Amino acid sequence: MSFQYVPSQFRVPQIPNWNPPDGFWCGLGVDAGFYGFEMYNWGRFLITRNLVSYSLEVDGARFTPVYSSINGYIFWQGNGYIYYTQTYGWVLCDRFPGYEPIEEYVWDENKEKNVYQGDSFWQISQFPSKEDAEVKIRGRGAAYEEKEKTLKAVWERWVSDNEFGEYEGKGGASGKKYLGLPRFRGNGTDYIRSFQKENGYYKYGAIHYAGGKWVIGEVGSDAGWHEGSEPSKSGSVTFKFCANKGSDAQGQNISVSLVDYVKGDESQPVFLGEVAIWR
């Protein structure tokens, strides 16, 4: 996978239990839309797709984040909205975010007692801080006497204990993802794959594609060179020593195999700016 680290002053409205990092690993090409960053309570190092925050579920119904500010916070939308209010804090309500729900405690002549009336909404006193945590939310207003609902946080993601390397799918994500450039090793020498292709081919340090062959060194060199195939993450590749006809040059074959994934040293300009969000 190809990711580029972008230092950022990225700012979104506040998100409970989450602070944006100082930068993201942003996927390019076929990896566009994937983001890599660190977040301990969700698996330390994460790769996510399209979303840089968790979703919520209320009794199994999914709510996805919207990064517009409602009283300084993002909100979630699904079968209704979860948003922050000035009066009740976080609520689940079927009114559009920004609306302040109404609750009244009035005398009911028929029931001969005080009852709660007004909008039907649920108050959220706290947010779940990780995947397996659940919290109960209680009804307010016209829903005051209804059964509590269960709120949980969910996040399709790939996680790893290390920043660079293999990431395993969690929260419904399938397969594996990889962050960093693959580093190969042969006879004590490291060969790190380039970030971008050149003339349709990657370079792996001294390993490059030339004249229809994958080689180490220069074909036709008096000192000899090595010929093989493109390094593979699935197994070792042997580069055989070659020499000019009649040459006394000698050398050993080189077996190249994957060692790990590392951060590269290539860079390129990125454009930063501000975008106004109109609602």
C-alpha atoms as a PDB file:
ATOM      1  CA  MET A   1       0.000   0.000   0.000  1.00  0.00           C
ATOM      2  CA  SER A   2       1.151   3.582  -0.634  1.00  0.00           C
ATOM      3  CA  PHE A   3       0.711   6.172   2.085  1.00  0.00           C
ATOM      4  CA  GLN A   4       2.101   9.665   2.453  1.00  0.00           C
ATOM      5  CA  TYR A   5       2.387  11.365   5.839  1.00  0.00           C
ATOM      6  CA  VAL A   6       0.809  14.822   5.783  1.00  0.00           C
ATOM      7  CA  PRO A   7       1.543  17.076   8.781  1.00  0.00           C
ATOM      8  CA  SER A   8      -1.708  18.840   9.396  1.00  0.00           C
ATOM      9  CA  GLN A   9      -3.485  21.561  11.281  1.00  0.00           C
ATOM     10  CA  PHE A  10      -6.626  19.611  10.495  1.00  0.00           C
ATOM     11  CA  ARG A  11      -9.363  20.742  12.820  1.00  0.00           C
ATOM     12  CA  VAL A  12     -12.856  19.377  13.182  1.00  0.00           C
ATOM     13  CA  PRO A  13     -15.485  20.189  15.798  1.00  0.00           C
ATOM     14  CA  GLN A  14     -14.922  18.354  19.074  1.00  0.00           C
ATOM     15  CA  ILE A  15     -15.448  14.583  19.192  1.00  0.00           C
ATOM     16  CA  PRO A  16     -16.032  12.796  22.536  1.00  0.00           C
ATOM     17  CA  ASN A  17     -13.047  10.612  23.576  1.00  0.00           C
ATOM     18  CA  TRP A  18     -10.986  11.569  20.501  1.00  0.00           C
ATOM     19  CA  ASN A  19      -8.424  14.224  19.672  1.00  0.00           C
ATOM     20  CA  PRO A  20      -7.160  14.541  16.073  1.00  0.00           C
ATOM     21  CA  PRO A  21      -3.417  13.842  15.673  1.00  0.00           C
ATOM     22  CA  ASP A  22      -0.891  16.318  14.306  1.00  0.00           C
ATOM     23  CA  GLY A  23      -0.827  14.487  10.984  1.00  0.00           C
ATOM     24  CA  PHE A  24      -2.258  11.576   9.020  1.00  0.00           C
ATOM     25  CA  TRP A  25      -0.882   8.902   6.750  1.00  0.00           C
ATOM     26  CA  CYS A  26      -3.030   9.529   3.670  1.00  0.00           C
ATOM     27  CA  GLY A  27      -3.465   6.821   1.055  1.00  0.00           C
ATOM     28  CA  LEU A  28      -2.671   7.594  -2.570  1.00  0.00           C
ATOM     29  CA  GLY A  29      -3.722   5.925  -5.802  1.00  0.00           C
ATOM     30  CA  VAL A  30      -5.539   2.663  -5.068  1.00  0.00           C
ATOM     31  CA  ASP A  31      -5.228   3.527  -1.365  1.00  0.00           C
ATOM     32  CA  ALA A  32      -7.010   6.878  -1.697  1.00  0.00           C
ATOM     33  CA  GLY A  33      -9.602   7.309   1.041  1.00  0.00           C
ATOM     34  CA  PHE A  34      -7.615   5.352   3.650  1.00  0.00           C
ATOM     35  CA  TYR A  35      -6.074   7.118   6.654  1.00  0.00           C
ATOM     36  CA  GLY A  36      -3.470   5.947   9.151  1.00  0.00           C
ATOM     37  CA  PHE A  37      -3.012   7.398  12.653  1.00  0.00           C
ATOM     38  CA  GLU A  38      -2.546   6.482  16.302  1.00  0.00           C
ATOM     39  CA  MET A  39      -5.389   5.963  18.788  1.00  0.00           C
ATOM     40  CA  TYR A  40      -4.679   3.757  21.795  1.00  0.00           C
ATOM     41  CA  ASN A  41      -8.165   2.779  22.949  1.00  0.00           C
ATOM     42  CA  TRP A  42      -9.089   1.480  19.478  1.00  0.00           C
ATOM     43  CA  GLY A  43      -5.977  -0.651  18.900  1.00  0.00           C
ATOM     44  CA  ARG A  44      -3.113   1.859  19.032  1.00  0.00           C
ATOM     45  CA  PHE A  45      -2.237   2.224  15.307  1.00  0.00           C
ATOM     46  CA  LEU A  46      -5.235   2.366  12.962  1.00  0.00           C
ATOM     47  CA  ILE A  47      -6.002   2.446   9.258  1.00  0.00           C
ATOM     48  CA  THR A  48      -9.550   3.574   8.481  1.00  0.00           C
ATOM     49  CA  ARG A  49     -11.528   4.065   5.292  1.00  0.00           C
ATOM     50  CA  ASN A  50     -13.165   7.444   4.601  1.00  0.00           C
ATOM     51  CA  LEU A  51     -13.956   8.129   8.266  1.00  0.00           C
ATOM     52  CA  VAL A  52     -11.511   9.558  10.817  1.00  0.00           C
ATOM     53  CA  SER A  53     -13.938   8.994  13.687  1.00  0.00           C
ATOM     54  CA  TYR A  54     -16.085   6.153  15.006  1.00  0.00           C
ATOM     55  CA  SER A  55     -19.751   5.556  14.235  1.00  0.00           C
ATOM     56  CA  LEU A  56     -22.442   4.929  16.838  1.00  0.00           C
ATOM     57  CA  GLU A  57     -25.143   2.298  17.192  1.00  0.00           C
ATOM     58  CA  VAL A  58     -28.353   2.662  19.192  1.00  0.00           C
ATOM     59  CA  ASP A  59     -30.050  -0.705  19.733  1.00  0.00           C
ATOM     60  CA  GLY A  60     -28.245  -1.920  16.592  1.00  0.00           C
ATOM     61  CA  ALA A  61     -29.170   1.056  14.366  1.00  0.00           C
ATOM     62  CA  ARG A  62     -26.100   2.716  12.809  1.00  0.00           C
ATOM     63  CA  PHE A  63     -25.324   6.445  13.030  1.00  0.00           C
ATOM     64  CA  THR A  64     -22.412   7.886  10.990  1.00  0.00           C
ATOM     65  CA  PRO A  65     -20.413  11.021  11.866  1.00  0.00           C
ATOM     66  CA  VAL A  66     -20.945  14.374  10.159  1.00  0.00           C
ATOM     67  CA  TYR A  67     -18.107  16.852  10.647  1.00  0.00           C
ATOM     68  CA  SER A  68     -20.218  20.009  10.858  1.00  0.00           C
ATOM     69  CA  SER A  69     -20.273  21.998  14.083  1.00  0.00           C
ATOM     70  CA  ILE A  70     -23.348  21.916  16.297  1.00  0.00           C
ATOM     71  CA  ASN A  71     -22.610  23.849  19.478  1.00  0.00           C
ATOM     72  CA  GLY A  72     -18.904  23.097  18.957  1.00  0.00           C
ATOM     73  CA  TYR A  73     -19.247  19.328  18.341  1.00  0.00           C
ATOM     74  CA  ILE A  74     -19.753  17.025  15.369  1.00  0.00           C
ATOM     75  CA  PHE A  75     -23.018  15.111  15.124  1.00  0.00           C
ATOM     76  CA  TRP A  76     -24.108  11.646  13.988  1.00  0.00           C
ATOM     77  CA  GLN A  77     -26.984  10.881  11.642  1.00  0.00           C
ATOM     78  CA  GLY A  78     -29.004   7.742  11.023  1.00  0.00           C
ATOM     79  CA  ASN A  79     -32.563   7.031  12.109  1.00  0.00           C
ATOM     80  CA  GLY A  80     -32.591  10.444  13.736  1.00  0.00           C
ATOM     81  CA  TYR A  81     -29.636  12.474  14.987  1.00  0.00           C
ATOM     82  CA  ILE A  82     -27.205  12.410  17.877  1.00  0.00           C
ATOM     83  CA  TYR A  83     -25.990  15.917  18.656  1.00  0.00           C
ATOM     84  CA  TYR A  84     -24.962  18.262  21.440  1.00  0.00           C
ATOM     85  CA  THR A  85     -27.483  20.659  22.959  1.00  0.00           C
ATOM     86  CA  GLN A  86     -27.007  23.585  25.291  1.00  0.00           C
ATOM     87  CA  THR A  87     -29.774  22.387  27.620  1.00  0.00           C
ATOM     88  CA  TYR A  88     -29.359  18.601  27.897  1.00  0.00           C
ATOM     89  CA  GLY A  89     -25.874  17.955  26.578  1.00  0.00           C
ATOM     90  CA  TRP A  90     -25.846  15.004  24.148  1.00  0.00           C
ATOM     91  CA  VAL A  91     -29.219  13.764  22.914  1.00  0.00           C
ATOM     92  CA  LEU A  92     -30.753  11.347  20.438  1.00  0.00           C
ATOM     93  CA  CYS A  93     -33.604  13.142  18.715  1.00  0.00           C
ATOM     94  CA  ASP A  94     -35.531  13.044  15.458  1.00  0.00           C
ATOM     95  CA  ARG A  95     -35.230  16.827  15.069  1.00  0.00           C
ATOM     96  CA  PHE A  96     -32.445  18.313  12.937  1.00  0.00           C
ATOM     97  CA  PRO A  97     -29.248  19.118  14.906  1.00  0.00           C
ATOM     98  CA  GLY A  98     -29.311  22.540  16.488  1.00  0.00           C
ATOM     99  CA  TYR A  99     -32.870  22.205  17.738  1.00  0.00           C
ATOM    100  CA  GLU A 100     -33.210  22.400  21.525  1.00  0.00           C
ATOM    101  CA  PRO A 101     -35.701  19.691  22.565  1.00  0.00           C
ATOM    102  CA  ILE A 102     -38.477  20.653  24.951  1.00  0.00           C
ATOM    103  CA  GLU A 103     -39.444  18.782  28.113  1.00  0.00           C
ATOM    104  CA  GLU A 104     -42.267  19.870  30.407  1.00  0.00           C
ATOM    105  CA  TYR A 105     -43.367  18.447  33.739  1.00  0.00           C
ATOM    106  CA  VAL A 106     -47.116  19.116  33.951  1.00  0.00           C
ATOM    107  CA  TRP A 107     -50.231  17.958  35.779  1.00  0.00           C
ATOM    108  CA  ASP A 108     -52.248  15.324  33.915  1.00  0.00           C
ATOM    109  CA  GLU A 109     -55.911  15.537  34.830  1.00  0.00           C
ATOM    110  CA  ASN A 110     -56.685  12.038  33.547  1.00  0.00           C
ATOM    111  CA  LYS A 111     -53.793  10.359  35.385  1.00  0.00           C
ATOM    112  CA  GLU A 112     -54.134  12.709  38.348  1.00  0.00           C
ATOM    113  CA  LYS A 113     -50.391  13.121  38.623  1.00  0.00           C
ATOM    114  CA  ASN A 114     -47.514  15.096  37.136  1.00  0.00           C
ATOM    115  CA  VAL A 115     -46.095  13.646  33.900  1.00  0.00           C
ATOM    116  CA  TYR A 116     -43.347  14.513  31.453  1.00  0.00           C
ATOM    117  CA  GLN A 117     -44.401  15.846  28.073  1.00  0.00           C
ATOM    118  CA  GLY A 118     -42.816  17.577  25.079  1.00  0.00           C
ATOM    119  CA  ASP A 119     -40.473  16.214  22.436  1.00  0.00           C
ATOM    120  CA  SER A 120     -39.530  12.544  22.392  1.00  0.00           C
ATOM    121  CA  PHE A 121     -35.764  12.294  22.878  1.00  0.00           C
ATOM    122  CA  TRP A 122     -33.082  10.402  24.794  1.00  0.00           C
ATOM    123  CA  GLN A 123     -30.322  11.952  26.887  1.00  0.00           C
ATOM    124  CA  ILE A 124     -26.739  10.619  26.646  1.00  0.00           C
ATOM    125  CA  SER A 125     -24.755  11.107  29.857  1.00  0.00           C
ATOM    126  CA  GLN A 126     -21.517   9.547  28.561  1.00  0.00           C
ATOM    127  CA  PHE A 127     -20.014   8.050  25.418  1.00  0.00           C
ATOM    128  CA  PRO A 128     -18.507   4.558  25.149  1.00  0.00           C
ATOM    129  CA  SER A 129     -14.726   4.919  24.991  1.00  0.00           C
ATOM    130  CA  LYS A 130     -13.907   1.718  23.103  1.00  0.00           C
ATOM    131  CA  GLU A 131     -15.428  -0.960  20.912  1.00  0.00           C
ATOM    132  CA  ASP A 132     -16.867  -3.364  23.499  1.00  0.00           C
ATOM    133  CA  ALA A 133     -18.179  -0.702  25.886  1.00  0.00           C
ATOM    134  CA  GLU A 134     -21.905   0.004  26.101  1.00  0.00           C
ATOM    135  CA  VAL A 135     -23.836   2.731  27.892  1.00  0.00           C
ATOM    136  CA  LYS A 136     -27.515   3.151  28.609  1.00  0.00           C
ATOM    137  CA  ILE A 137     -29.377   6.267  27.510  1.00  0.00           C
ATOM    138  CA  ARG A 138     -32.698   7.273  29.052  1.00  0.00           C
ATOM    139  CA  GLY A 139     -35.807   8.812  27.607  1.00  0.00           C
ATOM    140  CA  ARG A 140     -36.753  12.411  28.209  1.00  0.00           C
ATOM    141  CA  GLY A 141     -39.856  14.446  27.441  1.00  0.00           C
ATOM    142  CA  ALA A 142     -42.574  12.284  25.855  1.00  0.00           C
ATOM    143  CA  ALA A 143     -40.171   9.297  25.990  1.00  0.00           C
ATOM    144  CA  TYR A 144     -39.517   9.667  29.730  1.00  0.00           C
ATOM    145  CA  GLU A 145     -41.203   6.393  30.696  1.00  0.00           C
ATOM    146  CA  GLU A 146     -39.940   4.373  27.713  1.00  0.00           C
ATOM    147  CA  LYS A 147     -37.342   1.630  28.013  1.00  0.00           C
ATOM    148  CA  GLU A 148     -33.682   2.657  28.050  1.00  0.00           C
ATOM    149  CA  LYS A 149     -31.717   2.268  24.832  1.00  0.00           C
ATOM    150  CA  THR A 150     -28.186   0.872  24.441  1.00  0.00           C
ATOM    151  CA  LEU A 151     -25.482   3.034  22.877  1.00  0.00           C
ATOM    152  CA  LYS A 152     -22.190   1.626  21.586  1.00  0.00           C
ATOM    153  CA  ALA A 153     -19.356   2.879  19.392  1.00  0.00           C
ATOM    154  CA  VAL A 154     -18.312   0.940  16.260  1.00  0.00           C
ATOM    155  CA  TRP A 155     -15.457   1.482  13.842  1.00  0.00           C
ATOM    156  CA  GLU A 156     -14.473  -0.544  10.784  1.00  0.00           C
ATOM    157  CA  ARG A 157     -10.686  -0.397  10.886  1.00  0.00           C
ATOM    158  CA  TRP A 158      -7.379  -2.223  10.587  1.00  0.00           C
ATOM    159  CA  VAL A 159      -5.120  -2.234  13.648  1.00  0.00           C
ATOM    160  CA  SER A 160      -1.505  -2.957  14.535  1.00  0.00           C
ATOM    161  CA  ASP A 161       0.784  -2.700  17.560  1.00  0.00           C
ATOM    162  CA  ASN A 162       3.428  -1.169  15.282  1.00  0.00           C
ATOM    163  CA  GLU A 163       3.120   1.891  13.087  1.00  0.00           C
ATOM    164  CA  PHE A 164       4.688   0.207  10.065  1.00  0.00           C
ATOM    165  CA  GLY A 165       3.823  -3.276   8.939  1.00  0.00           C
ATOM    166  CA  GLU A 166       0.766  -5.509   8.716  1.00  0.00           C
ATOM    167  CA  TYR A 167      -2.632  -4.343   9.986  1.00  0.00           C
ATOM    168  CA  GLU A 168      -5.422  -6.773  10.871  1.00  0.00           C
ATOM    169  CA  GLY A 169      -9.096  -6.068  10.192  1.00  0.00           C
ATOM    170  CA  LYS A 170     -11.365  -5.277  13.152  1.00  0.00           C
ATOM    171  CA  GLY A 171     -14.912  -4.056  13.617  1.00  0.00           C
ATOM    172  CA  GLY A 172     -16.154  -5.676  10.416  1.00  0.00           C
ATOM    173  CA  ALA A 173     -13.125  -4.806   8.265  1.00  0.00           C
ATOM    174  CA  SER A 174     -11.792  -7.748   6.283  1.00  0.00           C
ATOM    175  CA  GLY A 175      -8.387  -8.695   4.941  1.00  0.00           C
ATOM    176  CA  LYS A 176      -5.080  -7.073   5.813  1.00  0.00           C
ATOM    177  CA  LYS A 177      -3.559  -3.660   5.142  1.00  0.00           C
ATOM    178  CA  TYR A 178       0.070  -2.572   5.113  1.00  0.00           C
ATOM    179  CA  LEU A 179       1.583   0.758   6.102  1.00  0.00           C
ATOM    180  CA  GLY A 180       5.152   1.595   5.168  1.00  0.00           C
ATOM    181  CA  LEU A 181       7.546   0.604   2.413  1.00  0.00           C
ATOM    182  CA  PRO A 182       8.568  -3.063   2.241  1.00  0.00           C
ATOM    183  CA  ARG A 183      12.203  -3.628   3.174  1.00  0.00           C
ATOM    184  CA  PHE A 184      13.967  -6.630   1.672  1.00  0.00           C
ATOM    185  CA  ARG A 185      17.350  -8.029   2.663  1.00  0.00           C
ATOM    186  CA  GLY A 186      19.901 -10.167   0.895  1.00  0.00           C
ATOM    187  CA  ASN A 187      23.442 -11.092   1.981  1.00  0.00           C
ATOM    188  CA  GLY A 188      23.352  -8.375   4.643  1.00  0.00           C
ATOM    189  CA  THR A 189      22.228  -5.569   2.325  1.00  0.00           C
ATOM    190  CA  ASP A 190      18.843  -3.834   2.636  1.00  0.00           C
ATOM    191  CA  TYR A 191      16.692  -3.081  -0.395  1.00  0.00           C
ATOM    192  CA  ILE A 192      13.808  -0.660   0.344  1.00  0.00           C
ATOM    193  CA  ARG A 193      11.091  -0.212  -2.248  1.00  0.00           C
ATOM    194  CA  SER A 194      10.612   3.280  -3.662  1.00  0.00           C
ATOM    195  CA  PHE A 195       7.398   5.167  -2.892  1.00  0.00           C
ATOM    196  CA  GLN A 196       6.536   5.856  -6.516  1.00  0.00           C
ATOM    197  CA  LYS A 197       7.130   4.009  -9.748  1.00  0.00           C
ATOM    198  CA  GLU A 198       9.557   5.294 -12.331  1.00  0.00           C
ATOM    199  CA  ASN A 199       8.787   4.418 -15.951  1.00  0.00           C
ATOM    200  CA  GLY A 200       6.251   1.922 -14.666  1.00  0.00           C
ATOM    201  CA  TYR A 201       8.522   0.112 -12.181  1.00  0.00           C
ATOM    202  CA  TYR A 202       9.503   0.449  -8.532  1.00  0.00           C
ATOM    203  CA  LYS A 203      13.106   0.596  -7.438  1.00  0.00           C
ATOM    204  CA  TYR A 204      14.382  -1.424  -4.492  1.00  0.00           C
ATOM    205  CA  GLY A 205      17.554   0.382  -3.568  1.00  0.00           C
ATOM    206  CA  ALA A 206      20.217  -1.106  -5.848  1.00  0.00           C
ATOM    207  CA  ILE A 207      17.644  -3.444  -7.416  1.00  0.00           C
ATOM    208  CA  HIS A 208      16.137  -1.889 -10.520  1.00  0.00           C
ATOM    209  CA  TYR A 209      14.522  -2.775 -13.834  1.00  0.00           C
ATOM    210  CA  ALA A 210      16.754  -2.250 -16.855  1.00  0.00           C
ATOM    211  CA  GLY A 211      16.835  -3.692 -20.346  1.00  0.00           C
ATOM    212  CA  GLY A 212      13.924  -6.025 -19.680  1.00  0.00           C
ATOM    213  CA  LYS A 213      15.541  -7.504 -16.550  1.00  0.00           C
ATOM    214  CA  TRP A 214      15.592  -7.009 -12.792  1.00  0.00           C
ATOM    215  CA  VAL A 215      19.229  -6.441 -11.896  1.00  0.00           C
ATOM    216  CA  ILE A 216      21.618  -5.472  -9.119  1.00  0.00           C
ATOM    217  CA  GLY A 217      24.476  -3.433 -10.520  1.00  0.00           C
ATOM    218  CA  GLU A 218      24.996  -2.552 -14.163  1.00  0.00           C
ATOM    219  CA  VAL A 219      24.612  -5.100 -16.944  1.00  0.00           C
ATOM    220  CA  GLY A 220      27.933  -5.505 -18.743  1.00  0.00           C
ATOM    221  CA  SER A 221      30.043  -4.226 -15.855  1.00  0.00           C
ATOM    222  CA  ASP A 222      33.586  -5.644 -15.710  1.00  0.00           C
ATOM    223  CA  ALA A 223      32.994  -6.434 -12.036  1.00  0.00           C
ATOM    224  CA  GLY A 224      29.874  -8.446 -12.851  1.00  0.00           C
ATOM    225  CA  TRP A 225      26.223  -7.975 -11.905  1.00  0.00           C
ATOM    226  CA  HIS A 226      23.199  -9.942 -10.657  1.00  0.00           C
ATOM    227  CA  GLU A 227      19.997 -10.852 -12.497  1.00  0.00           C
ATOM    228  CA  GLY A 228      16.736 -12.039 -10.948  1.00  0.00           C
ATOM    229  CA  SER A 229      13.088 -10.997 -10.687  1.00  0.00           C
ATOM    230  CA  GLU A 230      11.172  -8.319  -8.827  1.00  0.00           C
ATOM    231  CA  PRO A 231      11.332  -8.796  -5.020  1.00  0.00           C
ATOM    232  CA  SER A 232       8.210 -10.487  -3.686  1.00  0.00           C
ATOM    233  CA  LYS A 233       6.488 -10.207  -0.304  1.00  0.00           C
ATOM    234  CA  SER A 234       5.343 -13.826  -0.595  1.00  0.00           C
ATOM    235  CA  GLY A 235       8.765 -15.470  -0.811  1.00  0.00           C
ATOM    236  CA  SER A 236      12.461 -15.127  -1.537  1.00  0.00           C
ATOM    237  CA  VAL A 237      13.913 -14.184  -4.923  1.00  0.00           C
ATOM    238  CA  THR A 238      17.371 -15.272  -6.074  1.00  0.00           C
ATOM    239  CA  PHE A 239      19.632 -12.948  -8.052  1.00  0.00           C
ATOM    240  CA  LYS A 240      22.264 -14.940  -9.915  1.00  0.00           C
ATOM    241  CA  PHE A 241      25.746 -13.554 -10.420  1.00  0.00           C
ATOM    242  CA  CYS A 242      26.571 -12.800 -14.050  1.00  0.00           C
ATOM    243  CA  ALA A 243      29.792 -11.784 -15.777  1.00  0.00           C
ATOM    244  CA  ASN A 244      30.943 -10.885 -19.241  1.00  0.00           C
ATOM    245  CA  LYS A 245      32.117 -13.733 -21.424  1.00  0.00           C
ATOM    246  CA  GLY A 246      35.782 -14.435 -20.749  1.00  0.00           C
ATOM    247  CA  SER A 247      35.789 -12.350 -17.541  1.00  0.00           C
ATOM    248  CA  ASP A 248      37.550 -13.556 -14.388  1.00  0.00           C
ATOM    249  CA  ALA A 249      35.038 -11.714 -12.166  1.00  0.00           C
ATOM    250  CA  GLN A 250      33.508 -13.893  -9.462  1.00  0.00           C
ATOM    251  CA  GLY A 251      30.589 -13.423  -7.078  1.00  0.00           C
ATOM    252  CA  GLN A 252      27.891 -15.170  -5.105  1.00  0.00           C
ATOM    253  CA  ASN A 253      24.187 -15.391  -5.783  1.00  0.00           C
ATOM    254  CA  ILE A 254      22.006 -13.129  -3.623  1.00  0.00           C
ATOM    255  CA  SER A 255      18.761 -14.401  -2.064  1.00  0.00           C
ATOM    256  CA  VAL A 256      16.423 -11.473  -1.345  1.00  0.00           C
ATOM    257  CA  SER A 257      13.405 -11.752   0.994  1.00  0.00           C
ATOM    258  CA  LEU A 258      11.037  -9.472   2.879  1.00  0.00           C
ATOM    259  CA  VAL A 259      12.143  -8.340   6.356  1.00  0.00           C
ATOM    260  CA  ASP A 260       9.648  -5.690   7.469  1.00  0.00           C
ATOM    261  CA  TYR A 261       8.080  -2.339   6.579  1.00  0.00           C
ATOM    262  CA  VAL A 262       9.698   1.048   7.205  1.00  0.00           C
ATOM    263  CA  LYS A 263       9.135   4.772   6.700  1.00  0.00           C
ATOM    264  CA  GLY A 264      10.642   6.052   3.472  1.00  0.00           C
ATOM    265  CA  ASP A 265      12.668   9.228   2.982  1.00  0.00           C
ATOM    266  CA  GLU A 266      10.962  10.588  -0.147  1.00  0.00           C
ATOM    267  CA  SER A 267       8.918  13.785   0.016  1.00  0.00           C
ATOM    268  CA  GLN A 268       6.807  15.995  -2.224  1.00  0.00           C
ATOM    269  CA  PRO A 269       4.865  19.275  -1.847  1.00  0.00           C
ATOM    270  CA  VAL A 270       1.325  19.246  -0.498  1.00  0.00           C
ATOM    271  CA  PHE A 271      -1.185  22.061  -0.537  1.00  0.00           C
ATOM    272  CA  LEU A 272      -2.796  23.351   2.637  1.00  0.00           C
ATOM    273  CA  GLY A 273      -5.785  25.656   2.847  1.00  0.00           C
ATOM    274  CA  GLU A 274      -9.018  26.481   4.550  1.00  0.00           C
ATOM    275  CA  VAL A 275     -12.456  25.526   3.294  1.00  0.00           C
ATOM    276  CA  ALA A 276     -15.669  27.069   4.527  1.00  0.00           C
ATOM    277  CA  ILE A 277     -18.492  24.600   5.122  1.00  0.00           C
ATOM    278  CA  TRP A 278     -21.925  25.975   4.314  1.00  0.00           C
ATOM    279  CA  ARG A 279     -25.097  24.476   5.656  1.00  0.00           C
END
